[in-house]
Amino acid sequence: MRVRTSTGIRATDFFGAFYMSNTTDVELAGLDCDKTITVEFKHDDKLSEDSGALLQCAVLYTSCAGQRRLRIHNLSLNCCTQLADLYRNCETDTLINFLAKFAYRGLLNNPVKTVRDTLINQCAQILACYRKNCASPSSAGQLILPECMKLLPVYLNCVLKSDVLQPGSEVTTDDRSYIRQLVTSMDVAETNVFFYPRLLPLTKVDVNSDSLPTAIRNSEERLSKGDIYLLENGLNIFLWVGVNVQQGLIQNLFGVSSFSQISSSMCALPVLDNPFSKKVQSIIDMFQAQRSRYMKLMIVKQEDKLDLLFKHFLVEDKSLNGGASYVDFLCHMHKEIRQLLS
């Protein structure tokens, strides 16, 4: 695979599961719809707003039938001269995908602390630049973020708290290596849900509608003892059951009459003939269909031994291995930005 560009920008780095014998050609043993290659471009010359920036990705490959083929993708992007326009059109999800892969590769040659500090400094520079050049004048004590990047601090904190950059004592070297290699080939949608899992309250589901219940923020204070929640991160699906869930819901979903009778060892819900059970199963099936890997279903009863594992994925809370809560990290980022501006 080779990436070509118009004058003004050039491909300078590549991230993914591949081999490069030179600085331009990306070589892969195989390529399918679940593989992603991230490319970093450097802007090193003038760009025209009229002609924009042109990118071309060409893949030379051999089909299953032995035919030599060439697939080419061309992309034309708009250019701007105002920083405000740049910040108005940025994509936080794509930025986090790149920063995570950049950090995970950096671990091979640098201490974890150096990689973490570099990530924080990069994001502080981005937000300080916006504050200095684009935002309206305001009090220095006020944190101002671009509209498209309001979620950058929460996602960055999730990356910093990941098992690769801040592993707990129970995380083995093999686990860290596996996750690092996994994230390297993830696309933007996959890293989005991997770092900030999707959490749905199931008791609010409309059994007569195809729509999903509104996702809630990943924090323990958002959980109710009388609710059932579904959490998925692309690798696992957790079904969390509160101790005060109504007996009728437990009967409809698990086929047992009380909370104490729910088995945490089951890896699939029983097939029951009622609307609530069918709706929850359809949501799980839909999540499975969206992912390239089969996700194991884990039943988590509140205050059970698996509850601690479930809380590990409530990424807005302070983690047991020292990761900051979202609120604390936001204050830290604000302090970093103020230091850069002073």
C-alpha atoms as a PDB file:
ATOM      1  CA  MET A   1       0.000   0.000   0.000  1.00  0.00           C
ATOM      2  CA  ARG A   2       1.262   3.462  -0.857  1.00  0.00           C
ATOM      3  CA  VAL A   3      -0.158   6.887   0.071  1.00  0.00           C
ATOM      4  CA  ARG A   4       0.393   9.860  -2.237  1.00  0.00           C
ATOM      5  CA  THR A   5      -0.499  13.502  -1.639  1.00  0.00           C
ATOM      6  CA  SER A   6      -0.665  16.820  -3.445  1.00  0.00           C
ATOM      7  CA  THR A   7       1.860  19.592  -2.809  1.00  0.00           C
ATOM      8  CA  GLY A   8       1.820  21.039   0.696  1.00  0.00           C
ATOM      9  CA  ILE A   9       1.282  17.877   2.732  1.00  0.00           C
ATOM     10  CA  ARG A  10       3.016  14.507   2.935  1.00  0.00           C
ATOM     11  CA  ALA A  11       2.566  11.220   4.760  1.00  0.00           C
ATOM     12  CA  THR A  12       5.197  11.033   7.502  1.00  0.00           C
ATOM     13  CA  ASP A  13       4.150   8.122   9.728  1.00  0.00           C
ATOM     14  CA  PHE A  14       2.015   4.989   9.703  1.00  0.00           C
ATOM     15  CA  PHE A  15       0.352   3.064  12.551  1.00  0.00           C
ATOM     16  CA  GLY A  16      -1.065  -0.444  12.359  1.00  0.00           C
ATOM     17  CA  ALA A  17      -0.185  -4.131  12.084  1.00  0.00           C
ATOM     18  CA  PHE A  18       2.118  -4.209   9.039  1.00  0.00           C
ATOM     19  CA  TYR A  19       5.758  -4.225   7.891  1.00  0.00           C
ATOM     20  CA  MET A  20       7.676  -1.430   6.104  1.00  0.00           C
ATOM     21  CA  SER A  21      10.955  -2.122   4.307  1.00  0.00           C
ATOM     22  CA  ASN A  22      11.217   1.540   3.276  1.00  0.00           C
ATOM     23  CA  THR A  23       9.556   4.860   4.174  1.00  0.00           C
ATOM     24  CA  THR A  24       6.722   4.697   1.622  1.00  0.00           C
ATOM     25  CA  ASP A  25       5.459   1.130   1.101  1.00  0.00           C
ATOM     26  CA  VAL A  26       3.196  -0.554   3.678  1.00  0.00           C
ATOM     27  CA  GLU A  27       3.350  -4.350   3.357  1.00  0.00           C
ATOM     28  CA  LEU A  28       0.670  -6.656   4.781  1.00  0.00           C
ATOM     29  CA  ALA A  29       0.168 -10.416   4.706  1.00  0.00           C
ATOM     30  CA  GLY A  30      -3.581  -9.897   4.328  1.00  0.00           C
ATOM     31  CA  LEU A  31      -6.139  -7.107   4.422  1.00  0.00           C
ATOM     32  CA  ASP A  32      -9.810  -7.291   5.382  1.00  0.00           C
ATOM     33  CA  CYS A  33     -12.605  -4.979   6.474  1.00  0.00           C
ATOM     34  CA  ASP A  34     -11.559  -5.184  10.133  1.00  0.00           C
ATOM     35  CA  LYS A  35      -8.024  -3.830   9.620  1.00  0.00           C
ATOM     36  CA  THR A  36      -7.215  -0.149   9.942  1.00  0.00           C
ATOM     37  CA  ILE A  37      -4.054   1.743   9.047  1.00  0.00           C
ATOM     38  CA  THR A  38      -3.657   5.211  10.528  1.00  0.00           C
ATOM     39  CA  VAL A  39      -1.570   7.720   8.591  1.00  0.00           C
ATOM     40  CA  GLU A  40      -0.048  10.917   9.962  1.00  0.00           C
ATOM     41  CA  PHE A  41       0.304  13.797   7.498  1.00  0.00           C
ATOM     42  CA  LYS A  42       2.615  16.751   7.868  1.00  0.00           C
ATOM     43  CA  HIS A  43       1.727  20.193   6.531  1.00  0.00           C
ATOM     44  CA  ASP A  44       5.024  21.624   5.281  1.00  0.00           C
ATOM     45  CA  ASP A  45       4.122  23.983   2.432  1.00  0.00           C
ATOM     46  CA  LYS A  46       1.401  26.369   1.295  1.00  0.00           C
ATOM     47  CA  LEU A  47      -2.079  24.963   0.712  1.00  0.00           C
ATOM     48  CA  SER A  48      -4.684  26.582  -1.496  1.00  0.00           C
ATOM     49  CA  GLU A  49      -8.253  27.061  -0.304  1.00  0.00           C
ATOM     50  CA  ASP A  50      -9.382  26.781  -3.929  1.00  0.00           C
ATOM     51  CA  SER A  51      -7.741  23.479  -4.843  1.00  0.00           C
ATOM     52  CA  GLY A  52      -7.660  21.964  -1.334  1.00  0.00           C
ATOM     53  CA  ALA A  53      -5.547  18.949  -0.407  1.00  0.00           C
ATOM     54  CA  LEU A  54      -5.606  15.721  -2.417  1.00  0.00           C
ATOM     55  CA  LEU A  55      -4.864  12.252  -1.037  1.00  0.00           C
ATOM     56  CA  GLN A  56      -4.538   8.931  -2.833  1.00  0.00           C
ATOM     57  CA  CYS A  57      -4.259   5.480  -1.306  1.00  0.00           C
ATOM     58  CA  ALA A  58      -3.271   2.665  -3.691  1.00  0.00           C
ATOM     59  CA  VAL A  59      -3.264  -1.009  -2.694  1.00  0.00           C
ATOM     60  CA  LEU A  60      -1.580  -3.625  -4.915  1.00  0.00           C
ATOM     61  CA  TYR A  61      -2.749  -7.104  -3.926  1.00  0.00           C
ATOM     62  CA  THR A  62      -3.486 -10.647  -5.055  1.00  0.00           C
ATOM     63  CA  SER A  63      -7.111 -11.807  -4.890  1.00  0.00           C
ATOM     64  CA  CYS A  64      -8.196 -15.202  -3.553  1.00  0.00           C
ATOM     65  CA  ALA A  65      -8.365 -16.407  -7.171  1.00  0.00           C
ATOM     66  CA  GLY A  66      -4.744 -15.438  -7.782  1.00  0.00           C
ATOM     67  CA  GLN A  67      -5.438 -12.271  -9.797  1.00  0.00           C
ATOM     68  CA  ARG A  68      -3.166  -9.251  -9.349  1.00  0.00           C
ATOM     69  CA  ARG A  69      -5.338  -6.192  -8.664  1.00  0.00           C
ATOM     70  CA  LEU A  70      -4.941  -2.535  -7.875  1.00  0.00           C
ATOM     71  CA  ARG A  71      -7.478  -0.695  -5.712  1.00  0.00           C
ATOM     72  CA  ILE A  72      -7.259   3.085  -5.568  1.00  0.00           C
ATOM     73  CA  HIS A  73      -9.064   5.532  -3.269  1.00  0.00           C
ATOM     74  CA  ASN A  74      -8.905   9.278  -3.938  1.00  0.00           C
ATOM     75  CA  LEU A  75      -9.925  11.921  -1.429  1.00  0.00           C
ATOM     76  CA  SER A  76     -10.221  15.688  -1.769  1.00  0.00           C
ATOM     77  CA  LEU A  77     -10.212  17.754   1.437  1.00  0.00           C
ATOM     78  CA  ASN A  78     -11.035  21.401   2.031  1.00  0.00           C
ATOM     79  CA  CYS A  79      -8.377  23.742   3.404  1.00  0.00           C
ATOM     80  CA  CYS A  80      -8.798  26.842   5.554  1.00  0.00           C
ATOM     81  CA  THR A  81      -6.657  29.798   6.615  1.00  0.00           C
ATOM     82  CA  GLN A  82      -8.405  30.535   9.907  1.00  0.00           C
ATOM     83  CA  LEU A  83      -7.701  28.563  13.082  1.00  0.00           C
ATOM     84  CA  ALA A  84     -11.317  29.028  14.150  1.00  0.00           C
ATOM     85  CA  ASP A  85     -12.467  27.113  11.039  1.00  0.00           C
ATOM     86  CA  LEU A  86      -9.998  24.335  11.806  1.00  0.00           C
ATOM     87  CA  TYR A  87     -11.265  23.902  15.381  1.00  0.00           C
ATOM     88  CA  ARG A  88     -14.859  24.108  14.186  1.00  0.00           C
ATOM     89  CA  ASN A  89     -14.382  21.089  11.898  1.00  0.00           C
ATOM     90  CA  CYS A  90     -12.060  18.869  13.903  1.00  0.00           C
ATOM     91  CA  GLU A  91     -13.044  15.306  14.873  1.00  0.00           C
ATOM     92  CA  THR A  92     -12.239  14.364  18.473  1.00  0.00           C
ATOM     93  CA  ASP A  93     -12.853  10.635  17.895  1.00  0.00           C
ATOM     94  CA  THR A  94     -10.256  10.550  15.085  1.00  0.00           C
ATOM     95  CA  LEU A  95      -7.793  12.550  17.170  1.00  0.00           C
ATOM     96  CA  ILE A  96      -8.088  10.113  20.088  1.00  0.00           C
ATOM     97  CA  ASN A  97      -7.619   7.159  17.733  1.00  0.00           C
ATOM     98  CA  PHE A  98      -4.352   8.673  16.513  1.00  0.00           C
ATOM     99  CA  LEU A  99      -3.110   9.751  19.962  1.00  0.00           C
ATOM    100  CA  ALA A 100      -3.778   6.298  21.441  1.00  0.00           C
ATOM    101  CA  LYS A 101      -1.833   4.556  18.683  1.00  0.00           C
ATOM    102  CA  PHE A 102       0.966   7.131  18.904  1.00  0.00           C
ATOM    103  CA  ALA A 103       1.224   6.565  22.665  1.00  0.00           C
ATOM    104  CA  TYR A 104       1.004   2.779  22.507  1.00  0.00           C
ATOM    105  CA  ARG A 105       3.838   2.616  19.987  1.00  0.00           C
ATOM    106  CA  GLY A 106       5.875   5.084  22.022  1.00  0.00           C
ATOM    107  CA  LEU A 107       5.858   2.634  24.928  1.00  0.00           C
ATOM    108  CA  LEU A 108       8.246   0.370  23.046  1.00  0.00           C
ATOM    109  CA  ASN A 109      11.067   2.891  23.388  1.00  0.00           C
ATOM    110  CA  ASN A 110      10.068   5.228  26.233  1.00  0.00           C
ATOM    111  CA  PRO A 111       9.077   4.991  29.924  1.00  0.00           C
ATOM    112  CA  VAL A 112       5.337   5.022  30.627  1.00  0.00           C
ATOM    113  CA  LYS A 113       5.578   8.363  32.474  1.00  0.00           C
ATOM    114  CA  THR A 114       7.235  10.032  29.465  1.00  0.00           C
ATOM    115  CA  VAL A 115       4.500   8.774  27.133  1.00  0.00           C
ATOM    116  CA  ARG A 116       1.731   9.921  29.495  1.00  0.00           C
ATOM    117  CA  ASP A 117       3.287  13.372  29.953  1.00  0.00           C
ATOM    118  CA  THR A 118       3.675  13.750  26.181  1.00  0.00           C
ATOM    119  CA  LEU A 119      -0.024  12.979  25.634  1.00  0.00           C
ATOM    120  CA  ILE A 120      -1.135  15.491  28.245  1.00  0.00           C
ATOM    121  CA  ASN A 121       1.200  18.160  26.865  1.00  0.00           C
ATOM    122  CA  GLN A 122       0.013  17.610  23.278  1.00  0.00           C
ATOM    123  CA  CYS A 123      -3.635  18.046  24.242  1.00  0.00           C
ATOM    124  CA  ALA A 124      -2.895  21.015  26.492  1.00  0.00           C
ATOM    125  CA  GLN A 125      -1.097  22.676  23.553  1.00  0.00           C
ATOM    126  CA  ILE A 126      -4.112  22.073  21.298  1.00  0.00           C
ATOM    127  CA  LEU A 127      -6.569  23.573  23.800  1.00  0.00           C
ATOM    128  CA  ALA A 128      -4.258  26.453  24.787  1.00  0.00           C
ATOM    129  CA  CYS A 129      -3.882  27.384  21.117  1.00  0.00           C
ATOM    130  CA  TYR A 130      -7.675  27.608  20.796  1.00  0.00           C
ATOM    131  CA  ARG A 131      -7.973  29.694  23.970  1.00  0.00           C
ATOM    132  CA  LYS A 132      -5.266  32.098  22.793  1.00  0.00           C
ATOM    133  CA  ASN A 133      -6.254  32.533  19.149  1.00  0.00           C
ATOM    134  CA  CYS A 134      -9.958  31.709  18.811  1.00  0.00           C
ATOM    135  CA  ALA A 135     -11.874  32.146  22.067  1.00  0.00           C
ATOM    136  CA  SER A 136     -13.517  35.368  23.221  1.00  0.00           C
ATOM    137  CA  PRO A 137     -11.683  37.201  26.033  1.00  0.00           C
ATOM    138  CA  SER A 138     -12.738  35.875  29.430  1.00  0.00           C
ATOM    139  CA  SER A 139     -11.508  35.210  32.951  1.00  0.00           C
ATOM    140  CA  ALA A 140      -8.324  33.138  33.198  1.00  0.00           C
ATOM    141  CA  GLY A 141     -10.084  30.937  35.737  1.00  0.00           C
ATOM    142  CA  GLN A 142     -12.657  29.844  33.167  1.00  0.00           C
ATOM    143  CA  LEU A 143     -11.991  26.701  31.119  1.00  0.00           C
ATOM    144  CA  ILE A 144     -12.964  27.250  27.482  1.00  0.00           C
ATOM    145  CA  LEU A 145     -13.024  24.322  25.050  1.00  0.00           C
ATOM    146  CA  PRO A 146     -13.860  24.222  21.314  1.00  0.00           C
ATOM    147  CA  GLU A 147     -17.384  22.967  20.661  1.00  0.00           C
ATOM    148  CA  CYS A 148     -16.086  19.965  18.683  1.00  0.00           C
ATOM    149  CA  MET A 149     -13.493  19.113  21.338  1.00  0.00           C
ATOM    150  CA  LYS A 150     -15.499  19.325  24.551  1.00  0.00           C
ATOM    151  CA  LEU A 151     -15.047  15.581  25.011  1.00  0.00           C
ATOM    152  CA  LEU A 152     -11.281  15.591  24.381  1.00  0.00           C
ATOM    153  CA  PRO A 153     -10.337  15.675  28.107  1.00  0.00           C
ATOM    154  CA  VAL A 154     -12.685  12.803  29.046  1.00  0.00           C
ATOM    155  CA  TYR A 155     -11.442  10.606  26.183  1.00  0.00           C
ATOM    156  CA  LEU A 156      -7.810  11.497  26.867  1.00  0.00           C
ATOM    157  CA  ASN A 157      -8.263  10.519  30.506  1.00  0.00           C
ATOM    158  CA  CYS A 158      -9.672   7.167  29.359  1.00  0.00           C
ATOM    159  CA  VAL A 159      -6.574   6.554  27.232  1.00  0.00           C
ATOM    160  CA  LEU A 160      -4.296   7.482  30.138  1.00  0.00           C
ATOM    161  CA  LYS A 161      -6.205   5.132  32.477  1.00  0.00           C
ATOM    162  CA  SER A 162      -6.149   2.219  30.044  1.00  0.00           C
ATOM    163  CA  ASP A 163      -4.486  -1.043  31.041  1.00  0.00           C
ATOM    164  CA  VAL A 164      -1.595  -0.297  28.676  1.00  0.00           C
ATOM    165  CA  LEU A 165      -0.658   3.123  30.098  1.00  0.00           C
ATOM    166  CA  GLN A 166      -1.699   2.557  33.719  1.00  0.00           C
ATOM    167  CA  PRO A 167      -1.938  -1.165  34.431  1.00  0.00           C
ATOM    168  CA  GLY A 168      -3.121  -2.481  37.769  1.00  0.00           C
ATOM    169  CA  SER A 169      -1.325  -5.262  39.609  1.00  0.00           C
ATOM    170  CA  GLU A 170      -3.717  -7.851  38.143  1.00  0.00           C
ATOM    171  CA  VAL A 171      -2.876  -6.894  34.518  1.00  0.00           C
ATOM    172  CA  THR A 172      -0.199  -9.191  33.098  1.00  0.00           C
ATOM    173  CA  THR A 173       2.437  -8.250  30.525  1.00  0.00           C
ATOM    174  CA  ASP A 174       0.673 -10.537  28.043  1.00  0.00           C
ATOM    175  CA  ASP A 175      -2.609  -8.669  28.602  1.00  0.00           C
ATOM    176  CA  ARG A 176      -0.921  -5.314  27.989  1.00  0.00           C
ATOM    177  CA  SER A 177       0.760  -6.598  24.819  1.00  0.00           C
ATOM    178  CA  TYR A 178      -2.534  -8.033  23.556  1.00  0.00           C
ATOM    179  CA  ILE A 179      -4.447  -4.783  24.101  1.00  0.00           C
ATOM    180  CA  ARG A 180      -1.632  -2.693  22.601  1.00  0.00           C
ATOM    181  CA  GLN A 181      -1.630  -4.826  19.456  1.00  0.00           C
ATOM    182  CA  LEU A 182      -5.436  -4.831  19.331  1.00  0.00           C
ATOM    183  CA  VAL A 183      -5.807  -1.046  19.517  1.00  0.00           C
ATOM    184  CA  THR A 184      -3.129  -0.613  16.843  1.00  0.00           C
ATOM    185  CA  SER A 185      -5.517  -2.051  14.234  1.00  0.00           C
ATOM    186  CA  MET A 186      -8.776  -0.515  15.505  1.00  0.00           C
ATOM    187  CA  ASP A 187     -10.772   2.004  13.482  1.00  0.00           C
ATOM    188  CA  VAL A 188     -12.235   5.199  14.921  1.00  0.00           C
ATOM    189  CA  ALA A 189     -15.598   3.686  15.941  1.00  0.00           C
ATOM    190  CA  GLU A 190     -13.851   0.810  17.727  1.00  0.00           C
ATOM    191  CA  THR A 191     -11.463   2.976  19.764  1.00  0.00           C
ATOM    192  CA  ASN A 192     -14.374   5.257  20.606  1.00  0.00           C
ATOM    193  CA  VAL A 193     -16.332   2.506  22.394  1.00  0.00           C
ATOM    194  CA  PHE A 194     -13.192   0.721  23.655  1.00  0.00           C
ATOM    195  CA  PHE A 195     -11.953   3.708  25.656  1.00  0.00           C
ATOM    196  CA  TYR A 196     -15.410   4.993  26.629  1.00  0.00           C
ATOM    197  CA  PRO A 197     -17.780   1.983  26.803  1.00  0.00           C
ATOM    198  CA  ARG A 198     -21.456   2.243  25.919  1.00  0.00           C
ATOM    199  CA  LEU A 199     -23.702   2.005  29.013  1.00  0.00           C
ATOM    200  CA  LEU A 200     -27.469   1.544  28.594  1.00  0.00           C
ATOM    201  CA  PRO A 201     -30.189   1.415  31.304  1.00  0.00           C
ATOM    202  CA  LEU A 202     -32.396  -1.515  30.307  1.00  0.00           C
ATOM    203  CA  THR A 203     -35.407  -0.857  32.541  1.00  0.00           C
ATOM    204  CA  LYS A 204     -36.060   2.265  30.447  1.00  0.00           C
ATOM    205  CA  VAL A 205     -36.142   0.318  27.195  1.00  0.00           C
ATOM    206  CA  ASP A 206     -39.253   0.592  25.015  1.00  0.00           C
ATOM    207  CA  VAL A 207     -40.137  -2.992  24.051  1.00  0.00           C
ATOM    208  CA  ASN A 208     -42.407  -1.735  21.249  1.00  0.00           C
ATOM    209  CA  SER A 209     -39.737   0.398  19.573  1.00  0.00           C
ATOM    210  CA  ASP A 210     -36.587  -0.370  17.589  1.00  0.00           C
ATOM    211  CA  SER A 211     -34.739   2.496  19.276  1.00  0.00           C
ATOM    212  CA  LEU A 212     -32.180   2.022  22.043  1.00  0.00           C
ATOM    213  CA  PRO A 213     -32.487   3.637  25.478  1.00  0.00           C
ATOM    214  CA  THR A 214     -30.355   6.761  25.868  1.00  0.00           C
ATOM    215  CA  ALA A 215     -26.828   5.905  26.961  1.00  0.00           C
ATOM    216  CA  ILE A 216     -25.692   7.290  30.320  1.00  0.00           C
ATOM    217  CA  ARG A 217     -22.293   8.498  31.515  1.00  0.00           C
ATOM    218  CA  ASN A 218     -19.829   5.914  32.798  1.00  0.00           C
ATOM    219  CA  SER A 219     -19.877   6.714  36.492  1.00  0.00           C
ATOM    220  CA  GLU A 220     -21.014   4.720  39.512  1.00  0.00           C
ATOM    221  CA  GLU A 221     -23.135   7.622  40.728  1.00  0.00           C
ATOM    222  CA  ARG A 222     -25.289   7.200  37.603  1.00  0.00           C
ATOM    223  CA  LEU A 223     -26.188   3.620  38.534  1.00  0.00           C
ATOM    224  CA  SER A 224     -29.400   2.832  40.382  1.00  0.00           C
ATOM    225  CA  LYS A 225     -29.815  -0.207  42.636  1.00  0.00           C
ATOM    226  CA  GLY A 226     -33.208  -0.791  41.081  1.00  0.00           C
ATOM    227  CA  ASP A 227     -31.996  -0.910  37.471  1.00  0.00           C
ATOM    228  CA  ILE A 228     -30.299  -3.289  35.027  1.00  0.00           C
ATOM    229  CA  TYR A 229     -27.520  -1.956  32.781  1.00  0.00           C
ATOM    230  CA  LEU A 230     -25.799  -3.211  29.661  1.00  0.00           C
ATOM    231  CA  LEU A 231     -22.170  -2.159  29.103  1.00  0.00           C
ATOM    232  CA  GLU A 232     -20.118  -3.029  26.014  1.00  0.00           C
ATOM    233  CA  ASN A 233     -16.627  -1.995  24.937  1.00  0.00           C
ATOM    234  CA  GLY A 234     -16.087  -4.043  21.778  1.00  0.00           C
ATOM    235  CA  LEU A 235     -14.420  -6.917  23.664  1.00  0.00           C
ATOM    236  CA  ASN A 236     -16.953  -7.810  26.382  1.00  0.00           C
ATOM    237  CA  ILE A 237     -20.614  -7.267  27.235  1.00  0.00           C
ATOM    238  CA  PHE A 238     -21.560  -6.838  30.891  1.00  0.00           C
ATOM    239  CA  LEU A 239     -25.106  -7.134  32.240  1.00  0.00           C
ATOM    240  CA  TRP A 240     -25.149  -5.414  35.644  1.00  0.00           C
ATOM    241  CA  VAL A 241     -28.074  -6.176  37.962  1.00  0.00           C
ATOM    242  CA  GLY A 242     -28.850  -3.959  40.978  1.00  0.00           C
ATOM    243  CA  VAL A 243     -29.823  -5.520  44.303  1.00  0.00           C
ATOM    244  CA  ASN A 244     -33.225  -3.791  44.313  1.00  0.00           C
ATOM    245  CA  VAL A 245     -34.397  -4.710  40.814  1.00  0.00           C
ATOM    246  CA  GLN A 246     -38.100  -5.541  40.684  1.00  0.00           C
ATOM    247  CA  GLN A 247     -38.904  -9.246  40.965  1.00  0.00           C
ATOM    248  CA  GLY A 248     -40.961  -9.117  37.776  1.00  0.00           C
ATOM    249  CA  LEU A 249     -38.007  -7.866  35.696  1.00  0.00           C
ATOM    250  CA  ILE A 250     -35.733 -10.575  37.121  1.00  0.00           C
ATOM    251  CA  GLN A 251     -38.355 -13.225  36.292  1.00  0.00           C
ATOM    252  CA  ASN A 252     -38.792 -11.888  32.739  1.00  0.00           C
ATOM    253  CA  LEU A 253     -35.051 -11.703  32.002  1.00  0.00           C
ATOM    254  CA  PHE A 254     -33.464 -14.580  33.933  1.00  0.00           C
ATOM    255  CA  GLY A 255     -36.375 -16.948  34.552  1.00  0.00           C
ATOM    256  CA  VAL A 256     -35.776 -16.995  38.316  1.00  0.00           C
ATOM    257  CA  SER A 257     -37.843 -15.426  41.096  1.00  0.00           C
ATOM    258  CA  SER A 258     -35.220 -13.480  43.095  1.00  0.00           C
ATOM    259  CA  PHE A 259     -31.907 -11.615  42.874  1.00  0.00           C
ATOM    260  CA  SER A 260     -30.074 -14.285  44.895  1.00  0.00           C
ATOM    261  CA  GLN A 261     -31.017 -16.998  42.385  1.00  0.00           C
ATOM    262  CA  ILE A 262     -29.351 -15.253  39.441  1.00  0.00           C
ATOM    263  CA  SER A 263     -26.260 -17.202  38.383  1.00  0.00           C
ATOM    264  CA  SER A 264     -23.140 -15.131  37.634  1.00  0.00           C
ATOM    265  CA  SER A 265     -21.632 -18.068  35.734  1.00  0.00           C
ATOM    266  CA  MET A 266     -24.107 -17.983  32.834  1.00  0.00           C
ATOM    267  CA  CYS A 267     -22.704 -16.625  29.555  1.00  0.00           C
ATOM    268  CA  ALA A 268     -26.040 -16.391  27.722  1.00  0.00           C
ATOM    269  CA  LEU A 269     -29.517 -15.285  28.739  1.00  0.00           C
ATOM    270  CA  PRO A 270     -32.254 -17.938  28.818  1.00  0.00           C
ATOM    271  CA  VAL A 271     -34.688 -17.847  25.899  1.00  0.00           C
ATOM    272  CA  LEU A 272     -37.965 -16.611  27.413  1.00  0.00           C
ATOM    273  CA  ASP A 273     -41.223 -15.767  25.689  1.00  0.00           C
ATOM    274  CA  ASN A 274     -41.848 -12.209  26.876  1.00  0.00           C
ATOM    275  CA  PRO A 275     -41.295  -8.761  25.258  1.00  0.00           C
ATOM    276  CA  PHE A 276     -38.599  -7.573  27.732  1.00  0.00           C
ATOM    277  CA  SER A 277     -36.444 -10.689  27.304  1.00  0.00           C
ATOM    278  CA  LYS A 278     -36.744 -10.557  23.515  1.00  0.00           C
ATOM    279  CA  LYS A 279     -35.856  -6.849  23.432  1.00  0.00           C
ATOM    280  CA  VAL A 280     -32.745  -7.251  25.619  1.00  0.00           C
ATOM    281  CA  GLN A 281     -31.596 -10.234  23.557  1.00  0.00           C
ATOM    282  CA  SER A 282     -32.108  -8.262  20.334  1.00  0.00           C
ATOM    283  CA  ILE A 283     -29.920  -5.427  21.717  1.00  0.00           C
ATOM    284  CA  ILE A 284     -27.166  -7.912  22.621  1.00  0.00           C
ATOM    285  CA  ASP A 285     -27.417  -9.525  19.177  1.00  0.00           C
ATOM    286  CA  MET A 286     -27.197  -6.102  17.532  1.00  0.00           C
ATOM    287  CA  PHE A 287     -24.057  -5.219  19.532  1.00  0.00           C
ATOM    288  CA  GLN A 288     -22.504  -8.546  18.568  1.00  0.00           C
ATOM    289  CA  ALA A 289     -23.227  -7.914  14.884  1.00  0.00           C
ATOM    290  CA  GLN A 290     -21.526  -4.501  15.054  1.00  0.00           C
ATOM    291  CA  ARG A 291     -18.206  -5.925  16.295  1.00  0.00           C
ATOM    292  CA  SER A 292     -15.592  -7.966  14.472  1.00  0.00           C
ATOM    293  CA  ARG A 293     -14.952 -10.144  17.547  1.00  0.00           C
ATOM    294  CA  TYR A 294     -17.408 -12.210  19.515  1.00  0.00           C
ATOM    295  CA  MET A 295     -18.058 -10.507  22.852  1.00  0.00           C
ATOM    296  CA  LYS A 296     -18.537 -12.724  25.890  1.00  0.00           C
ATOM    297  CA  LEU A 297     -21.602 -11.884  27.994  1.00  0.00           C
ATOM    298  CA  MET A 298     -20.836 -11.547  31.715  1.00  0.00           C
ATOM    299  CA  ILE A 299     -23.598 -11.317  34.337  1.00  0.00           C
ATOM    300  CA  VAL A 300     -22.580  -8.964  37.158  1.00  0.00           C
ATOM    301  CA  LYS A 301     -24.619  -8.846  40.361  1.00  0.00           C
ATOM    302  CA  GLN A 302     -24.211  -5.727  42.468  1.00  0.00           C
ATOM    303  CA  GLU A 303     -21.756  -6.248  45.364  1.00  0.00           C
ATOM    304  CA  ASP A 304     -20.659  -9.578  43.849  1.00  0.00           C
ATOM    305  CA  LYS A 305     -17.011 -10.414  43.097  1.00  0.00           C
ATOM    306  CA  LEU A 306     -17.380  -9.381  39.419  1.00  0.00           C
ATOM    307  CA  ASP A 307     -18.684  -5.960  40.493  1.00  0.00           C
ATOM    308  CA  LEU A 308     -15.082  -4.763  40.899  1.00  0.00           C
ATOM    309  CA  LEU A 309     -14.272  -5.722  37.302  1.00  0.00           C
ATOM    310  CA  PHE A 310     -17.381  -3.937  36.055  1.00  0.00           C
ATOM    311  CA  LYS A 311     -16.422  -0.750  37.914  1.00  0.00           C
ATOM    312  CA  HIS A 312     -13.071  -0.788  36.116  1.00  0.00           C
ATOM    313  CA  PHE A 313     -15.013   0.207  32.987  1.00  0.00           C
ATOM    314  CA  LEU A 314     -16.797   3.134  34.670  1.00  0.00           C
ATOM    315  CA  VAL A 315     -14.100   5.372  33.260  1.00  0.00           C
ATOM    316  CA  GLU A 316     -15.281   8.705  34.667  1.00  0.00           C
ATOM    317  CA  ASP A 317     -14.572   7.510  38.226  1.00  0.00           C
ATOM    318  CA  LYS A 318     -11.230   7.320  39.966  1.00  0.00           C
ATOM    319  CA  SER A 319      -9.662   3.912  39.316  1.00  0.00           C
ATOM    320  CA  LEU A 320      -8.222   1.576  41.919  1.00  0.00           C
ATOM    321  CA  ASN A 321      -4.767   1.710  40.323  1.00  0.00           C
ATOM    322  CA  GLY A 322      -4.530   5.494  40.697  1.00  0.00           C
ATOM    323  CA  GLY A 323      -6.235   6.811  37.560  1.00  0.00           C
ATOM    324  CA  ALA A 324      -7.834  10.218  38.012  1.00  0.00           C
ATOM    325  CA  SER A 325     -11.563  10.821  37.880  1.00  0.00           C
ATOM    326  CA  TYR A 326     -12.853  12.904  34.970  1.00  0.00           C
ATOM    327  CA  VAL A 327     -13.455  15.944  37.206  1.00  0.00           C
ATOM    328  CA  ASP A 328      -9.951  15.759  38.705  1.00  0.00           C
ATOM    329  CA  PHE A 329      -8.338  15.337  35.299  1.00  0.00           C
ATOM    330  CA  LEU A 330     -10.314  18.258  33.882  1.00  0.00           C
ATOM    331  CA  CYS A 331      -8.923  20.462  36.675  1.00  0.00           C
ATOM    332  CA  HIS A 332      -5.425  19.204  35.889  1.00  0.00           C
ATOM    333  CA  MET A 333      -5.828  19.989  32.179  1.00  0.00           C
ATOM    334  CA  HIS A 334      -7.098  23.467  33.052  1.00  0.00           C
ATOM    335  CA  LYS A 335      -3.985  24.039  35.154  1.00  0.00           C
ATOM    336  CA  GLU A 336      -1.733  22.866  32.291  1.00  0.00           C
ATOM    337  CA  ILE A 337      -3.477  25.215  29.837  1.00  0.00           C
ATOM    338  CA  ARG A 338      -3.146  28.187  32.201  1.00  0.00           C
ATOM    339  CA  GLN A 339       0.571  27.513  32.612  1.00  0.00           C
ATOM    340  CA  LEU A 340       1.064  27.475  28.846  1.00  0.00           C
ATOM    341  CA  LEU A 341      -0.797  30.776  28.479  1.00  0.00           C
ATOM    342  CA  SER A 342       0.922  32.598  31.353  1.00  0.00           C
END
